[in-house]
Amino acid sequence: MKSVYDFIVKPLEQRYDNVKNIDGKQLVVNTNIENHIFVSKKAVVVSTPAAYDTEIKAGDHIYVHHNVFRRYYDVKGREKNSGTYFKEDMYFCSPQQIYMYNNKSHLNYCFVKPIKGIKDIHNKKEIEYFGILKYSNNSLERVGLHPGSLVVFTPNSEFEFIIKGQRLYCMKSNDIALTHEYEGHEKEYNPSWAASG
């Protein structure tokens, strides 16, 4: 069973990622299906497209756009699957909806780790629009931006992901606006709740 142009995927665990483990107890943090923040972005590939070859193979774990698994209510209040639903917990996923596979960024996506705010300068837990590049891609590496580079990204370009217990921002290569030299005080910021998933 293959789609012509799309991948066929299924949730890695479940469609929604709304349970956190805190001190050995499970806490349900959201029961609303419409909130995109709690839709699982972790998937496993069931089959690859028939029309072209790809490095992504059946069985690979990938991170996808939240709308792949999302449910919603129609105008009559009926709960519906997203337009990507295929059958039996399987969904169509276009290549542009895949952000990461096998710990590698896909297409022109990259992942940035936020930087901890400096209390003397900022009154926020993290410095807005600054981060450390964690997962680069070919286009960024061609211009010298490798994992560990200190970067500035454009406002409202980031999507939040939890990957290996770390909160990361996913964005496109052209959302990276500047690169900086380290000044010595920069520290990665990871909220405690990110590691509890």
Protein backbone atom coordinates (compact mmCIF):
# COMPACT_ATOMS: atom_id res chain seq x y z
CA MET A 1 0.00 0.00 0.00
CA LYS A 2 1.60 3.23 -1.20
CA SER A 3 0.40 6.73 -1.87
CA VAL A 4 1.60 8.28 -5.11
CA TYR A 5 3.04 11.52 -3.66
CA ASP A 6 2.50 11.39 0.13
CA PHE A 7 3.93 9.37 2.97
CA ILE A 8 1.52 7.21 4.96
CA VAL A 9 2.17 7.57 8.69
CA LYS A 10 0.64 6.69 12.03
CA PRO A 11 1.11 8.24 15.48
CA LEU A 12 4.17 6.89 17.28
CA GLU A 13 2.24 6.55 20.53
CA GLN A 14 -1.08 8.39 20.38
CA ARG A 15 -2.65 11.33 18.55
CA TYR A 16 -2.49 13.73 21.49
CA ASP A 17 0.45 14.41 23.77
CA ASN A 18 -1.47 15.82 26.73
CA VAL A 19 -0.23 13.71 29.66
CA LYS A 20 2.86 14.70 31.69
CA ASN A 21 4.63 12.59 34.30
CA ILE A 22 5.36 14.66 37.39
CA ASP A 23 6.88 13.01 40.48
CA GLY A 24 5.74 9.58 39.30
CA LYS A 25 2.13 10.67 38.72
CA GLN A 26 0.33 11.35 35.47
CA LEU A 27 -1.20 14.77 34.97
CA VAL A 28 -3.62 15.42 32.08
CA VAL A 29 -2.79 18.97 30.99
CA ASN A 30 -5.45 19.40 28.31
CA THR A 31 -8.70 17.70 27.27
CA ASN A 32 -9.59 20.02 24.38
CA ILE A 33 -9.08 18.49 20.89
CA GLU A 34 -8.86 21.86 19.14
CA ASN A 35 -5.68 23.07 20.85
CA HIS A 36 -2.84 22.37 18.41
CA ILE A 37 -0.17 22.59 21.14
CA PHE A 38 -1.14 19.19 22.55
CA VAL A 39 -1.44 17.30 19.25
CA SER A 40 1.34 14.72 18.98
CA LYS A 41 3.99 15.51 16.39
CA LYS A 42 5.72 12.12 16.67
CA ALA A 43 4.96 9.60 13.93
CA VAL A 44 6.21 6.39 12.39
CA VAL A 45 6.34 5.89 8.62
CA VAL A 46 4.09 3.12 7.30
CA SER A 47 4.99 3.58 3.62
CA THR A 48 6.88 6.01 1.40
CA PRO A 49 5.61 7.71 -1.81
CA ALA A 50 5.63 5.68 -5.01
CA ALA A 51 6.53 8.62 -7.28
CA TYR A 52 10.08 9.25 -6.01
CA ASP A 53 12.93 7.87 -3.88
CA THR A 54 13.61 9.26 -0.43
CA GLU A 55 16.07 8.72 2.42
CA ILE A 56 13.09 8.26 4.73
CA LYS A 57 12.10 4.59 4.97
CA ALA A 58 9.14 2.63 6.34
CA GLY A 59 9.54 2.24 10.11
CA ASP A 60 11.47 5.51 10.56
CA HIS A 61 10.44 7.81 13.40
CA ILE A 62 9.65 11.32 12.22
CA TYR A 63 8.31 14.65 13.54
CA VAL A 64 5.38 16.07 11.60
CA HIS A 65 3.10 19.11 11.45
CA HIS A 66 0.45 19.14 14.18
CA ASN A 67 -2.42 19.21 11.65
CA VAL A 68 -1.64 15.67 10.44
CA PHE A 69 -3.23 14.04 13.53
CA ARG A 70 -5.45 16.88 14.70
CA ARG A 71 -9.20 16.49 15.20
CA TYR A 72 -11.76 19.29 15.05
CA TYR A 73 -15.48 20.03 15.38
CA ASP A 74 -17.40 20.88 12.21
CA VAL A 75 -20.08 23.61 12.01
CA LYS A 76 -22.67 21.18 13.41
CA GLY A 77 -20.51 20.29 16.40
CA ARG A 78 -19.52 16.83 15.13
CA GLU A 79 -16.00 15.63 15.89
CA LYS A 80 -14.04 15.01 12.68
CA ASN A 81 -10.61 13.76 11.64
CA SER A 82 -8.27 16.07 9.78
CA GLY A 83 -8.27 16.00 5.99
CA THR A 84 -5.11 13.86 6.09
CA TYR A 85 -6.91 10.88 7.70
CA PHE A 86 -6.68 7.71 5.58
CA LYS A 87 -7.97 4.73 7.58
CA GLU A 88 -7.32 2.65 10.72
CA ASP A 89 -5.08 5.18 12.50
CA MET A 90 -3.12 5.94 9.31
CA TYR A 91 -2.71 9.39 7.75
CA PHE A 92 -1.34 10.96 4.57
CA CYS A 93 1.61 13.27 5.15
CA SER A 94 3.17 15.45 2.45
CA PRO A 95 6.98 15.85 2.44
CA GLN A 96 6.56 19.52 3.48
CA GLN A 97 4.80 18.38 6.68
CA ILE A 98 7.84 16.37 7.83
CA TYR A 99 10.27 18.39 9.94
CA MET A 100 12.72 15.75 11.15
CA TYR A 101 13.59 12.11 10.52
CA ASN A 102 16.22 9.90 12.18
CA ASN A 103 17.53 12.92 14.15
CA LYS A 104 18.12 14.89 10.93
CA SER A 105 16.29 18.01 9.80
CA HIS A 106 14.16 17.50 6.71
CA LEU A 107 14.17 19.79 3.66
CA ASN A 108 14.95 23.38 4.73
CA TYR A 109 13.87 23.03 8.39
CA CYS A 110 16.16 23.48 11.38
CA PHE A 111 15.80 23.34 15.18
CA VAL A 112 16.99 25.98 17.65
CA LYS A 113 17.31 25.74 21.44
CA PRO A 114 16.21 28.87 23.36
CA ILE A 115 18.73 30.75 25.51
CA LYS A 116 18.21 31.41 29.20
CA GLY A 117 17.46 35.03 30.07
CA ILE A 118 19.93 37.08 32.08
CA LYS A 119 18.18 38.37 35.20
CA ASP A 120 20.10 41.65 35.27
CA ILE A 121 19.13 42.50 31.70
CA HIS A 122 15.85 40.70 31.01
CA ASN A 123 12.87 39.88 33.16
CA LYS A 124 12.04 36.78 31.10
CA LYS A 125 13.08 33.15 31.40
CA GLU A 126 14.46 33.12 27.88
CA ILE A 127 15.83 35.73 25.50
CA GLU A 128 13.38 36.23 22.65
CA TYR A 129 14.52 35.34 19.13
CA PHE A 130 17.97 34.11 20.25
CA GLY A 131 18.99 30.48 20.29
CA ILE A 132 21.60 27.82 19.73
CA LEU A 133 21.29 25.83 16.53
CA LYS A 134 20.76 22.17 17.49
CA TYR A 135 19.80 20.53 14.19
CA SER A 136 21.06 22.25 11.06
CA ASN A 137 20.45 21.41 7.39
CA ASN A 138 22.45 21.45 4.15
CA SER A 139 21.60 25.04 3.18
CA LEU A 140 22.65 26.41 6.59
CA GLU A 141 25.81 24.33 6.72
CA ARG A 142 26.84 25.64 3.30
CA VAL A 143 26.99 29.14 4.83
CA GLY A 144 28.85 27.95 7.93
CA LEU A 145 25.96 27.50 10.39
CA HIS A 146 26.49 24.19 12.17
CA PRO A 147 24.98 22.76 15.37
CA GLY A 148 26.18 24.93 18.25
CA SER A 149 26.02 28.23 16.33
CA LEU A 150 24.47 31.15 18.21
CA VAL A 151 21.69 32.58 16.02
CA VAL A 152 18.88 35.14 15.93
CA PHE A 153 15.60 34.18 14.25
CA THR A 154 12.67 36.23 12.96
CA PRO A 155 9.60 36.80 15.18
CA ASN A 156 6.69 34.34 14.91
CA SER A 157 8.65 31.92 12.75
CA GLU A 158 9.10 29.21 15.36
CA PHE A 159 7.05 26.10 16.18
CA GLU A 160 7.60 24.47 19.56
CA PHE A 161 8.68 20.82 19.69
CA ILE A 162 9.78 18.53 22.52
CA ILE A 163 12.57 16.30 21.21
CA LYS A 164 14.44 13.95 23.55
CA GLY A 165 13.16 15.88 26.57
CA GLN A 166 14.33 19.25 25.21
CA ARG A 167 12.15 22.13 24.11
CA LEU A 168 13.26 23.23 20.64
CA TYR A 169 11.95 25.67 18.09
CA CYS A 170 11.50 24.45 14.52
CA MET A 171 11.76 26.97 11.70
CA LYS A 172 12.87 27.31 8.09
CA SER A 173 16.42 28.19 7.08
CA ASN A 174 15.46 31.65 5.86
CA ASP A 175 14.02 32.45 9.32
CA ILE A 176 17.58 32.49 10.68
CA ALA A 177 18.41 36.19 10.43
CA LEU A 178 21.83 36.59 12.10
CA THR A 179 24.64 34.64 13.64
CA HIS A 180 26.58 35.86 16.70
CA GLU A 181 29.83 35.25 18.48
CA TYR A 182 29.44 33.84 21.98
CA GLU A 183 29.88 36.41 24.74
CA GLY A 184 30.33 33.80 27.46
CA HIS A 185 27.07 34.16 29.44
CA GLU A 186 24.72 32.29 27.08
CA LYS A 187 23.09 29.18 28.54
CA GLU A 188 20.49 26.89 27.03
CA TYR A 189 17.01 27.14 28.51
CA ASN A 190 14.91 24.02 28.98
CA PRO A 191 11.83 24.28 31.25
CA SER A 192 11.39 21.40 33.70
CA TRP A 193 8.08 20.36 32.14
CA ALA A 194 9.75 19.61 28.80
CA ALA A 195 11.68 16.69 30.28
CA SER A 196 8.55 15.21 31.91
CA GLY A 197 6.86 14.06 28.67
